[in-house]
């Protein structure tokens, strides 16, 4: 899998699905048109595109990492991810929806809890 790198950074916003993709998700899931389902599909799409995996929050280790990220000042999380080479912000200046999950995966990689094989 090749990840686009712009100015030495991976821009997470590049992996957000387009509005057309979101409409396709809505069409394919006639019954599941709720915001939560669409958000989840967008969320997982970014993580799968960047890392090829998503955190397994049923695992207590990942739940602990989640708690660590949630209890950290968001600015510190943004800086941490930026230092790791991932820009979390969209062109509108807001962080991409799965910004905390991206941080969890980066922590898991740093701590040797998971490996990403490209």
C-alpha atoms as a PDB file:
ATOM      1  CA  UNK A   1       0.000   0.000   0.000  1.00  0.00           C
ATOM      2  CA  UNK A   2       1.393   3.387  -0.982  1.00  0.00           C
ATOM      3  CA  UNK A   3       0.595   6.350   1.246  1.00  0.00           C
ATOM      4  CA  UNK A   4       0.757   9.857  -0.204  1.00  0.00           C
ATOM      5  CA  UNK A   5       3.299  11.961   1.632  1.00  0.00           C
ATOM      6  CA  UNK A   6       3.096  15.721   1.241  1.00  0.00           C
ATOM      7  CA  UNK A   7       5.927  17.873   2.594  1.00  0.00           C
ATOM      8  CA  UNK A   8       7.168  14.948   4.685  1.00  0.00           C
ATOM      9  CA  UNK A   9       3.753  14.476   6.318  1.00  0.00           C
ATOM     10  CA  UNK A  10       0.942  12.056   5.774  1.00  0.00           C
ATOM     11  CA  UNK A  11      -2.202  14.157   5.512  1.00  0.00           C
ATOM     12  CA  UNK A  12      -4.995  12.132   7.125  1.00  0.00           C
ATOM     13  CA  UNK A  13      -7.633  14.304   5.427  1.00  0.00           C
ATOM     14  CA  UNK A  14      -6.585  12.870   2.043  1.00  0.00           C
ATOM     15  CA  UNK A  15      -8.109   9.577   3.162  1.00  0.00           C
ATOM     16  CA  UNK A  16     -11.546  10.913   4.046  1.00  0.00           C
ATOM     17  CA  UNK A  17     -14.188   9.516   1.700  1.00  0.00           C
ATOM     18  CA  UNK A  18     -15.670  11.951  -0.775  1.00  0.00           C
ATOM     19  CA  UNK A  19     -19.285  13.048  -0.626  1.00  0.00           C
ATOM     20  CA  UNK A  20     -19.883  10.673  -3.563  1.00  0.00           C
ATOM     21  CA  UNK A  21     -18.465   7.791  -1.522  1.00  0.00           C
ATOM     22  CA  UNK A  22     -20.681   8.755   1.411  1.00  0.00           C
ATOM     23  CA  UNK A  23     -23.741   8.803  -0.853  1.00  0.00           C
ATOM     24  CA  UNK A  24     -22.746   5.342  -2.114  1.00  0.00           C
ATOM     25  CA  UNK A  25     -22.522   4.109   1.487  1.00  0.00           C
ATOM     26  CA  UNK A  26     -26.016   5.500   2.094  1.00  0.00           C
ATOM     27  CA  UNK A  27     -27.360   3.789  -1.038  1.00  0.00           C
ATOM     28  CA  UNK A  28     -25.745   0.445  -0.203  1.00  0.00           C
ATOM     29  CA  UNK A  29     -27.085   0.521   3.336  1.00  0.00           C
ATOM     30  CA  UNK A  30     -30.683   1.585   2.760  1.00  0.00           C
ATOM     31  CA  UNK A  31     -31.627   0.617   6.297  1.00  0.00           C
ATOM     32  CA  UNK A  32     -28.458   2.014   7.863  1.00  0.00           C
ATOM     33  CA  UNK A  33     -28.684   5.674   6.944  1.00  0.00           C
ATOM     34  CA  UNK A  34     -28.023   6.940  10.443  1.00  0.00           C
ATOM     35  CA  UNK A  35     -25.229   9.400  11.033  1.00  0.00           C
ATOM     36  CA  UNK A  36     -23.508   6.904  13.326  1.00  0.00           C
ATOM     37  CA  UNK A  37     -23.198   4.276  10.591  1.00  0.00           C
ATOM     38  CA  UNK A  38     -21.936   6.773   8.029  1.00  0.00           C
ATOM     39  CA  UNK A  39     -19.517   8.237  10.582  1.00  0.00           C
ATOM     40  CA  UNK A  40     -18.259   4.760  11.426  1.00  0.00           C
ATOM     41  CA  UNK A  41     -17.660   3.862   7.777  1.00  0.00           C
ATOM     42  CA  UNK A  42     -15.808   7.156   7.178  1.00  0.00           C
ATOM     43  CA  UNK A  43     -13.869   6.655  10.391  1.00  0.00           C
ATOM     44  CA  UNK A  44     -12.754   3.113   9.605  1.00  0.00           C
ATOM     45  CA  UNK A  45     -11.996   4.049   5.996  1.00  0.00           C
ATOM     46  CA  UNK A  46      -9.370   6.560   7.088  1.00  0.00           C
ATOM     47  CA  UNK A  47      -7.764   4.136   9.535  1.00  0.00           C
ATOM     48  CA  UNK A  48      -7.732   1.270   7.046  1.00  0.00           C
ATOM     49  CA  UNK A  49      -6.258   3.524   4.351  1.00  0.00           C
ATOM     50  CA  UNK A  50      -3.504   4.793   6.635  1.00  0.00           C
ATOM     51  CA  UNK A  51      -2.664   1.701   8.644  1.00  0.00           C
ATOM     52  CA  UNK A  52      -4.532  -1.252   7.143  1.00  0.00           C
ATOM     53  CA  UNK A  53      -6.001  -1.907  10.577  1.00  0.00           C
ATOM     54  CA  UNK A  54      -8.238  -0.412  13.265  1.00  0.00           C
ATOM     55  CA  UNK A  55      -7.782  -0.531  17.035  1.00  0.00           C
ATOM     56  CA  UNK A  56      -9.452  -3.482  18.744  1.00  0.00           C
ATOM     57  CA  UNK A  57     -11.138  -1.773  21.676  1.00  0.00           C
ATOM     58  CA  UNK A  58     -12.423  -5.087  23.031  1.00  0.00           C
ATOM     59  CA  UNK A  59      -8.785  -5.706  23.973  1.00  0.00           C
ATOM     60  CA  UNK A  60      -8.068  -4.113  27.383  1.00  0.00           C
ATOM     61  CA  UNK A  61      -4.659  -2.938  26.145  1.00  0.00           C
ATOM     62  CA  UNK A  62      -6.263  -0.849  23.399  1.00  0.00           C
ATOM     63  CA  UNK A  63      -8.940   0.360  25.788  1.00  0.00           C
ATOM     64  CA  UNK A  64      -6.113   1.567  28.050  1.00  0.00           C
ATOM     65  CA  UNK A  65      -4.460   3.371  25.151  1.00  0.00           C
ATOM     66  CA  UNK A  66      -7.812   4.984  24.315  1.00  0.00           C
ATOM     67  CA  UNK A  67      -8.143   6.175  27.914  1.00  0.00           C
ATOM     68  CA  UNK A  68      -4.620   7.574  27.731  1.00  0.00           C
ATOM     69  CA  UNK A  69      -5.398   9.527  24.544  1.00  0.00           C
ATOM     70  CA  UNK A  70      -8.773  10.791  25.799  1.00  0.00           C
ATOM     71  CA  UNK A  71      -7.237  12.033  29.047  1.00  0.00           C
ATOM     72  CA  UNK A  72      -4.480  13.921  27.209  1.00  0.00           C
ATOM     73  CA  UNK A  73      -4.886  17.546  26.131  1.00  0.00           C
ATOM     74  CA  UNK A  74      -5.941  17.433  22.447  1.00  0.00           C
ATOM     75  CA  UNK A  75      -3.182  19.891  21.503  1.00  0.00           C
ATOM     76  CA  UNK A  76      -0.612  17.439  22.851  1.00  0.00           C
ATOM     77  CA  UNK A  77      -2.236  14.617  20.878  1.00  0.00           C
ATOM     78  CA  UNK A  78      -2.132  16.737  17.694  1.00  0.00           C
ATOM     79  CA  UNK A  79       1.553  17.523  18.312  1.00  0.00           C
ATOM     80  CA  UNK A  80       2.360  13.861  19.025  1.00  0.00           C
ATOM     81  CA  UNK A  81       0.775  12.730  15.762  1.00  0.00           C
ATOM     82  CA  UNK A  82       2.506  15.527  13.855  1.00  0.00           C
ATOM     83  CA  UNK A  83       5.855  14.450  15.311  1.00  0.00           C
ATOM     84  CA  UNK A  84       5.062  10.925  14.116  1.00  0.00           C
ATOM     85  CA  UNK A  85       4.455  12.296  10.610  1.00  0.00           C
ATOM     86  CA  UNK A  86       0.669  12.486  10.457  1.00  0.00           C
ATOM     87  CA  UNK A  87      -1.151  15.782  10.011  1.00  0.00           C
ATOM     88  CA  UNK A  88      -4.614  15.334  11.522  1.00  0.00           C
ATOM     89  CA  UNK A  89      -6.240  18.469  10.145  1.00  0.00           C
ATOM     90  CA  UNK A  90      -8.613  18.904   7.233  1.00  0.00           C
ATOM     91  CA  UNK A  91      -8.543  21.973   4.995  1.00  0.00           C
ATOM     92  CA  UNK A  92     -11.245  23.540   7.191  1.00  0.00           C
ATOM     93  CA  UNK A  93      -8.869  23.430  10.169  1.00  0.00           C
ATOM     94  CA  UNK A  94     -10.739  20.715  12.058  1.00  0.00           C
ATOM     95  CA  UNK A  95      -9.161  17.376  12.964  1.00  0.00           C
ATOM     96  CA  UNK A  96     -10.268  14.394  10.900  1.00  0.00           C
ATOM     97  CA  UNK A  97     -12.977  12.324  12.614  1.00  0.00           C
ATOM     98  CA  UNK A  98     -10.747   9.446  13.759  1.00  0.00           C
ATOM     99  CA  UNK A  99      -7.955  11.638  15.157  1.00  0.00           C
ATOM    100  CA  UNK A 100      -7.989   9.913  18.533  1.00  0.00           C
ATOM    101  CA  UNK A 101      -7.921   6.468  16.922  1.00  0.00           C
ATOM    102  CA  UNK A 102      -4.935   7.527  14.811  1.00  0.00           C
ATOM    103  CA  UNK A 103      -3.174   8.519  18.033  1.00  0.00           C
ATOM    104  CA  UNK A 104      -4.092   5.166  19.608  1.00  0.00           C
ATOM    105  CA  UNK A 105      -2.573   3.265  16.698  1.00  0.00           C
ATOM    106  CA  UNK A 106       0.567   5.406  16.817  1.00  0.00           C
ATOM    107  CA  UNK A 107       0.884   4.723  20.561  1.00  0.00           C
ATOM    108  CA  UNK A 108       0.379   1.002  19.933  1.00  0.00           C
ATOM    109  CA  UNK A 109       3.135   1.084  17.330  1.00  0.00           C
ATOM    110  CA  UNK A 110       5.464   3.023  19.667  1.00  0.00           C
ATOM    111  CA  UNK A 111       4.834   0.585  22.503  1.00  0.00           C
ATOM    112  CA  UNK A 112       5.287  -2.464  20.271  1.00  0.00           C
ATOM    113  CA  UNK A 113       1.693  -3.592  20.830  1.00  0.00           C
ATOM    114  CA  UNK A 114       0.978  -3.823  17.129  1.00  0.00           C
ATOM    115  CA  UNK A 115       2.949  -3.826  13.896  1.00  0.00           C
ATOM    116  CA  UNK A 116       1.795  -2.454  10.594  1.00  0.00           C
ATOM    117  CA  UNK A 117       3.101  -4.398   7.636  1.00  0.00           C
ATOM    118  CA  UNK A 118       2.813  -2.465   4.392  1.00  0.00           C
END
